[in-house]
Amino acid sequence: MVQHVEQNLQLMTKRAVKAENSATKLKQENALLQVQLKNCKMENEALRLGQSASLAAVKQNADVALQNLLTVITKSRSSIKQLVSGAESLQLVADLLKSIDRISETSEDGQ
């Protein structure tokens, strides 16, 4: 009977040691998973901040592009007005030259 109790005690001791080892492994695994979770949360937050920063940079670039486009439009309108004015002046000169030819033809015929 004593021998049977001793065997049961040894068996229970082995089970307890095995359970303690298992609990230790689970605690280590839990700690590792907690660290991984924390790292994932930090990475997620960094990605969110990076996305916000990228969006802000895109918006700023779009604003700069818009300002440049408006400047080009303003300058091109001015250039077009100058070009039209120059074309009108050239047309006037051409008309004057035609008139000079007519005047000189009339003068030659009249001599």
N, C-alpha and C. Protein backbone atom coordinates (compact mmCIF):
# COMPACT_ATOMS: atom_id res chain seq x y z
N MET A 1 0.82 -1.18 0.00
CA MET A 1 0.00 0.00 0.00
C MET A 1 0.88 1.26 0.00
N VAL A 2 1.91 1.26 0.85
CA VAL A 2 2.81 2.41 0.92
C VAL A 2 3.52 2.57 -0.43
N GLN A 3 3.88 1.43 -1.00
CA GLN A 3 4.55 1.48 -2.30
C GLN A 3 3.61 2.06 -3.35
N HIS A 4 2.37 1.71 -3.30
CA HIS A 4 1.39 2.23 -4.25
C HIS A 4 1.22 3.74 -4.07
N VAL A 5 1.20 4.22 -2.84
CA VAL A 5 1.08 5.65 -2.55
C VAL A 5 2.32 6.38 -3.05
N GLU A 6 3.50 5.75 -2.86
CA GLU A 6 4.73 6.37 -3.33
C GLU A 6 4.74 6.47 -4.86
N GLN A 7 4.25 5.44 -5.52
CA GLN A 7 4.18 5.47 -6.99
C GLN A 7 3.24 6.59 -7.45
N ASN A 8 2.10 6.69 -6.80
CA ASN A 8 1.15 7.76 -7.13
C ASN A 8 1.76 9.14 -6.88
N LEU A 9 2.51 9.22 -5.79
CA LEU A 9 3.18 10.49 -5.46
C LEU A 9 4.23 10.85 -6.52
N GLN A 10 5.00 9.86 -6.96
CA GLN A 10 6.00 10.10 -8.01
C GLN A 10 5.31 10.49 -9.32
N LEU A 11 4.24 9.81 -9.64
CA LEU A 11 3.49 10.11 -10.87
C LEU A 11 2.93 11.52 -10.81
N MET A 12 2.40 11.90 -9.64
CA MET A 12 1.85 13.25 -9.49
C MET A 12 2.96 14.29 -9.54
N THR A 13 4.13 13.96 -9.01
CA THR A 13 5.27 14.88 -9.06
C THR A 13 5.70 15.10 -10.51
N LYS A 14 5.76 14.01 -11.28
CA LYS A 14 6.12 14.12 -12.71
C LYS A 14 5.10 14.99 -13.45
N ARG A 15 3.84 14.76 -13.15
CA ARG A 15 2.78 15.57 -13.79
C ARG A 15 2.92 17.04 -13.40
N ALA A 16 3.22 17.30 -12.15
CA ALA A 16 3.37 18.69 -11.69
C ALA A 16 4.56 19.36 -12.37
N VAL A 17 5.68 18.63 -12.49
CA VAL A 17 6.86 19.17 -13.16
C VAL A 17 6.54 19.46 -14.63
N LYS A 18 5.86 18.50 -15.24
CA LYS A 18 5.48 18.66 -16.65
C LYS A 18 4.55 19.87 -16.81
N ALA A 19 3.61 20.03 -15.90
CA ALA A 19 2.68 21.17 -15.95
C ALA A 19 3.42 22.49 -15.74
N GLU A 20 4.38 22.49 -14.80
CA GLU A 20 5.16 23.70 -14.56
C GLU A 20 5.99 24.07 -15.80
N ASN A 21 6.59 23.06 -16.44
CA ASN A 21 7.36 23.32 -17.67
C ASN A 21 6.45 23.86 -18.77
N SER A 22 5.28 23.26 -18.88
CA SER A 22 4.32 23.71 -19.88
C SER A 22 3.88 25.15 -19.59
N ALA A 23 3.62 25.46 -18.33
CA ALA A 23 3.21 26.81 -17.94
C ALA A 23 4.32 27.81 -18.23
N THR A 24 5.57 27.43 -17.97
CA THR A 24 6.71 28.31 -18.24
C THR A 24 6.82 28.60 -19.73
N LYS A 25 6.68 27.55 -20.55
CA LYS A 25 6.73 27.73 -22.01
C LYS A 25 5.60 28.64 -22.49
N LEU A 26 4.41 28.44 -21.95
CA LEU A 26 3.27 29.26 -22.34
C LEU A 26 3.47 30.72 -21.92
N LYS A 27 4.07 30.94 -20.74
CA LYS A 27 4.36 32.31 -20.30
C LYS A 27 5.37 32.97 -21.24
N GLN A 28 6.40 32.21 -21.64
CA GLN A 28 7.39 32.76 -22.58
C GLN A 28 6.76 33.09 -23.92
N GLU A 29 5.92 32.17 -24.40
CA GLU A 29 5.24 32.40 -25.68
C GLU A 29 4.31 33.60 -25.58
N ASN A 30 3.63 33.73 -24.46
CA ASN A 30 2.74 34.87 -24.23
C ASN A 30 3.53 36.17 -24.24
N ALA A 31 4.68 36.19 -23.57
CA ALA A 31 5.52 37.39 -23.54
C ALA A 31 5.99 37.75 -24.95
N LEU A 32 6.39 36.74 -25.72
CA LEU A 32 6.83 36.98 -27.10
C LEU A 32 5.68 37.54 -27.94
N LEU A 33 4.49 36.97 -27.78
CA LEU A 33 3.33 37.47 -28.53
C LEU A 33 2.97 38.89 -28.11
N GLN A 34 3.13 39.23 -26.86
CA GLN A 34 2.86 40.59 -26.39
C GLN A 34 3.83 41.58 -27.05
N VAL A 35 5.10 41.19 -27.13
CA VAL A 35 6.10 42.05 -27.77
C VAL A 35 5.76 42.21 -29.25
N GLN A 36 5.40 41.12 -29.92
CA GLN A 36 5.03 41.20 -31.33
C GLN A 36 3.80 42.08 -31.53
N LEU A 37 2.83 41.96 -30.64
CA LEU A 37 1.64 42.79 -30.72
C LEU A 37 1.99 44.26 -30.58
N LYS A 38 2.84 44.56 -29.61
CA LYS A 38 3.27 45.94 -29.41
C LYS A 38 3.99 46.48 -30.64
N ASN A 39 4.88 45.66 -31.22
CA ASN A 39 5.60 46.07 -32.44
C ASN A 39 4.64 46.31 -33.60
N CYS A 40 3.64 45.44 -33.74
CA CYS A 40 2.65 45.60 -34.81
C CYS A 40 1.84 46.89 -34.63
N LYS A 41 1.48 47.18 -33.39
CA LYS A 41 0.73 48.42 -33.11
C LYS A 41 1.58 49.64 -33.45
N MET A 42 2.87 49.60 -33.07
CA MET A 42 3.75 50.73 -33.37
C MET A 42 3.94 50.88 -34.88
N GLU A 43 4.10 49.78 -35.58
CA GLU A 43 4.26 49.82 -37.04
C GLU A 43 2.99 50.35 -37.70
N ASN A 44 1.85 49.91 -37.21
CA ASN A 44 0.56 50.38 -37.73
C ASN A 44 0.42 51.88 -37.56
N GLU A 45 0.79 52.37 -36.38
CA GLU A 45 0.71 53.82 -36.11
C GLU A 45 1.67 54.59 -37.01
N ALA A 46 2.88 54.03 -37.19
CA ALA A 46 3.86 54.68 -38.07
C ALA A 46 3.34 54.74 -39.50
N LEU A 47 2.69 53.68 -39.94
CA LEU A 47 2.12 53.68 -41.30
C LEU A 47 1.01 54.71 -41.43
N ARG A 48 0.19 54.83 -40.39
CA ARG A 48 -0.88 55.84 -40.41
C ARG A 48 -0.29 57.24 -40.50
N LEU A 49 0.72 57.49 -39.68
CA LEU A 49 1.36 58.81 -39.70
C LEU A 49 2.02 59.06 -41.05
N GLY A 50 2.67 58.03 -41.59
CA GLY A 50 3.30 58.16 -42.90
C GLY A 50 2.28 58.44 -43.98
N GLN A 51 1.13 57.80 -43.90
CA GLN A 51 0.07 58.02 -44.89
C GLN A 51 -0.44 59.45 -44.78
N SER A 52 -0.61 59.93 -43.56
CA SER A 52 -1.07 61.30 -43.37
C SER A 52 -0.05 62.29 -43.91
N ALA A 53 1.23 62.01 -43.64
CA ALA A 53 2.29 62.89 -44.13
C ALA A 53 2.34 62.87 -45.65
N SER A 54 2.16 61.68 -46.24
CA SER A 54 2.17 61.58 -47.70
C SER A 54 0.99 62.35 -48.29
N LEU A 55 -0.16 62.23 -47.67
CA LEU A 55 -1.34 62.94 -48.15
C LEU A 55 -1.14 64.45 -48.06
N ALA A 56 -0.52 64.90 -46.98
CA ALA A 56 -0.24 66.32 -46.82
C ALA A 56 0.75 66.79 -47.89
N ALA A 57 1.75 65.97 -48.19
CA ALA A 57 2.73 66.34 -49.22
C ALA A 57 2.07 66.40 -50.59
N VAL A 58 1.19 65.46 -50.87
CA VAL A 58 0.47 65.47 -52.16
C VAL A 58 -0.39 66.72 -52.27
N LYS A 59 -1.07 67.07 -51.18
CA LYS A 59 -1.91 68.27 -51.19
C LYS A 59 -1.06 69.52 -51.41
N GLN A 60 0.09 69.58 -50.74
CA GLN A 60 0.97 70.73 -50.90
C GLN A 60 1.49 70.80 -52.34
N ASN A 61 1.87 69.67 -52.91
CA ASN A 61 2.34 69.65 -54.30
C ASN A 61 1.24 70.08 -55.26
N ALA A 62 0.01 69.65 -54.98
CA ALA A 62 -1.11 70.05 -55.83
C ALA A 62 -1.34 71.56 -55.75
N ASP A 63 -1.21 72.12 -54.54
CA ASP A 63 -1.38 73.57 -54.38
C ASP A 63 -0.31 74.34 -55.14
N VAL A 64 0.94 73.85 -55.07
CA VAL A 64 2.04 74.51 -55.79
C VAL A 64 1.79 74.41 -57.30
N ALA A 65 1.37 73.23 -57.76
CA ALA A 65 1.08 73.05 -59.19
C ALA A 65 -0.04 73.97 -59.64
N LEU A 66 -1.07 74.13 -58.81
CA LEU A 66 -2.18 75.02 -59.14
C LEU A 66 -1.69 76.47 -59.26
N GLN A 67 -0.87 76.90 -58.31
CA GLN A 67 -0.35 78.27 -58.36
C GLN A 67 0.50 78.48 -59.61
N ASN A 68 1.34 77.49 -59.94
CA ASN A 68 2.16 77.59 -61.15
C ASN A 68 1.29 77.64 -62.40
N LEU A 69 0.24 76.84 -62.42
CA LEU A 69 -0.67 76.83 -63.56
C LEU A 69 -1.37 78.18 -63.72
N LEU A 70 -1.82 78.75 -62.62
CA LEU A 70 -2.48 80.06 -62.68
C LEU A 70 -1.51 81.14 -63.17
N THR A 71 -0.25 81.05 -62.74
CA THR A 71 0.77 82.01 -63.20
C THR A 71 0.99 81.87 -64.70
N VAL A 72 1.09 80.64 -65.18
CA VAL A 72 1.28 80.40 -66.62
C VAL A 72 0.09 80.92 -67.41
N ILE A 73 -1.11 80.70 -66.90
CA ILE A 73 -2.32 81.19 -67.59
C ILE A 73 -2.29 82.71 -67.69
N THR A 74 -1.95 83.36 -66.60
CA THR A 74 -1.91 84.83 -66.60
C THR A 74 -0.87 85.34 -67.59
N LYS A 75 0.32 84.76 -67.57
CA LYS A 75 1.38 85.19 -68.48
C LYS A 75 1.03 84.87 -69.93
N SER A 76 0.39 83.73 -70.16
CA SER A 76 0.04 83.37 -71.54
C SER A 76 -1.03 84.31 -72.08
N ARG A 77 -1.97 84.72 -71.23
CA ARG A 77 -2.98 85.69 -71.68
C ARG A 77 -2.31 87.00 -72.08
N SER A 78 -1.35 87.43 -71.28
CA SER A 78 -0.63 88.66 -71.59
C SER A 78 0.13 88.50 -72.90
N SER A 79 0.79 87.37 -73.08
CA SER A 79 1.54 87.12 -74.31
C SER A 79 0.61 87.07 -75.52
N ILE A 80 -0.56 86.46 -75.36
CA ILE A 80 -1.52 86.38 -76.47
C ILE A 80 -2.02 87.78 -76.83
N LYS A 81 -2.28 88.60 -75.81
CA LYS A 81 -2.72 89.98 -76.09
C LYS A 81 -1.64 90.73 -76.84
N GLN A 82 -0.37 90.57 -76.43
CA GLN A 82 0.73 91.23 -77.12
C GLN A 82 0.86 90.72 -78.55
N LEU A 83 0.67 89.41 -78.73
CA LEU A 83 0.75 88.82 -80.06
C LEU A 83 -0.35 89.35 -80.97
N VAL A 84 -1.57 89.44 -80.46
CA VAL A 84 -2.69 89.98 -81.24
C VAL A 84 -2.44 91.45 -81.57
N SER A 85 -1.94 92.20 -80.59
CA SER A 85 -1.63 93.62 -80.83
C SER A 85 -0.55 93.75 -81.89
N GLY A 86 0.47 92.90 -81.80
CA GLY A 86 1.54 92.92 -82.81
C GLY A 86 1.01 92.55 -84.19
N ALA A 87 0.11 91.57 -84.26
CA ALA A 87 -0.47 91.17 -85.54
C ALA A 87 -1.31 92.31 -86.12
N GLU A 88 -2.04 93.02 -85.27
CA GLU A 88 -2.83 94.16 -85.74
C GLU A 88 -1.91 95.27 -86.26
N SER A 89 -0.80 95.48 -85.58
CA SER A 89 0.16 96.49 -86.05
C SER A 89 0.75 96.08 -87.38
N LEU A 90 1.09 94.82 -87.52
CA LEU A 90 1.62 94.34 -88.80
C LEU A 90 0.59 94.47 -89.92
N GLN A 91 -0.67 94.22 -89.59
CA GLN A 91 -1.73 94.38 -90.59
C GLN A 91 -1.84 95.83 -91.02
N LEU A 92 -1.71 96.75 -90.07
CA LEU A 92 -1.75 98.18 -90.37
C LEU A 92 -0.59 98.56 -91.27
N VAL A 93 0.61 98.04 -90.96
CA VAL A 93 1.78 98.33 -91.80
C VAL A 93 1.56 97.77 -93.20
N ALA A 94 1.02 96.55 -93.28
CA ALA A 94 0.75 95.94 -94.59
C ALA A 94 -0.26 96.79 -95.36
N ASP A 95 -1.30 97.26 -94.70
CA ASP A 95 -2.29 98.11 -95.37
C ASP A 95 -1.66 99.41 -95.84
N LEU A 96 -0.77 99.99 -95.02
CA LEU A 96 -0.08 101.22 -95.42
C LEU A 96 0.81 100.98 -96.64
N LEU A 97 1.50 99.84 -96.64
CA LEU A 97 2.36 99.53 -97.79
C LEU A 97 1.53 99.35 -99.06
N LYS A 98 0.35 98.74 -98.94
CA LYS A 98 -0.52 98.61 -100.10
C LYS A 98 -0.96 99.99 -100.59
N SER A 99 -1.26 100.85 -99.63
CA SER A 99 -1.70 102.20 -99.99
C SER A 99 -0.57 102.95 -100.69
N ILE A 100 0.67 102.76 -100.22
CA ILE A 100 1.81 103.44 -100.85
C ILE A 100 1.97 102.97 -102.28
N ASP A 101 1.80 101.64 -102.49
CA ASP A 101 1.88 101.12 -103.85
C ASP A 101 0.81 101.75 -104.73
N ARG A 102 -0.41 101.89 -104.22
CA ARG A 102 -1.50 102.50 -105.00
C ARG A 102 -1.21 103.97 -105.27
N ILE A 103 -0.68 104.65 -104.24
CA ILE A 103 -0.38 106.07 -104.42
C ILE A 103 0.71 106.26 -105.45
N SER A 104 1.75 105.41 -105.37
CA SER A 104 2.83 105.56 -106.33
C SER A 104 2.38 105.17 -107.72
N GLU A 105 1.48 104.20 -107.88
CA GLU A 105 0.95 103.84 -109.20
C GLU A 105 0.11 104.98 -109.75
N THR A 106 -0.67 105.60 -108.88
CA THR A 106 -1.51 106.72 -109.32
C THR A 106 -0.63 107.90 -109.71
N SER A 107 0.42 108.14 -108.96
CA SER A 107 1.31 109.26 -109.24
C SER A 107 2.03 109.02 -110.55
N GLU A 108 2.47 107.82 -110.82
CA GLU A 108 3.18 107.50 -112.05
C GLU A 108 2.25 107.64 -113.24
N ASP A 109 1.01 107.23 -113.08
CA ASP A 109 0.04 107.33 -114.17
C ASP A 109 -0.30 108.80 -114.44
N GLY A 110 -0.28 109.59 -113.42
CA GLY A 110 -0.64 111.00 -113.52
C GLY A 110 0.47 111.83 -114.09
N GLN A 111 1.72 111.40 -114.14
CA GLN A 111 2.83 112.21 -114.61
C GLN A 111 2.82 112.37 -116.04
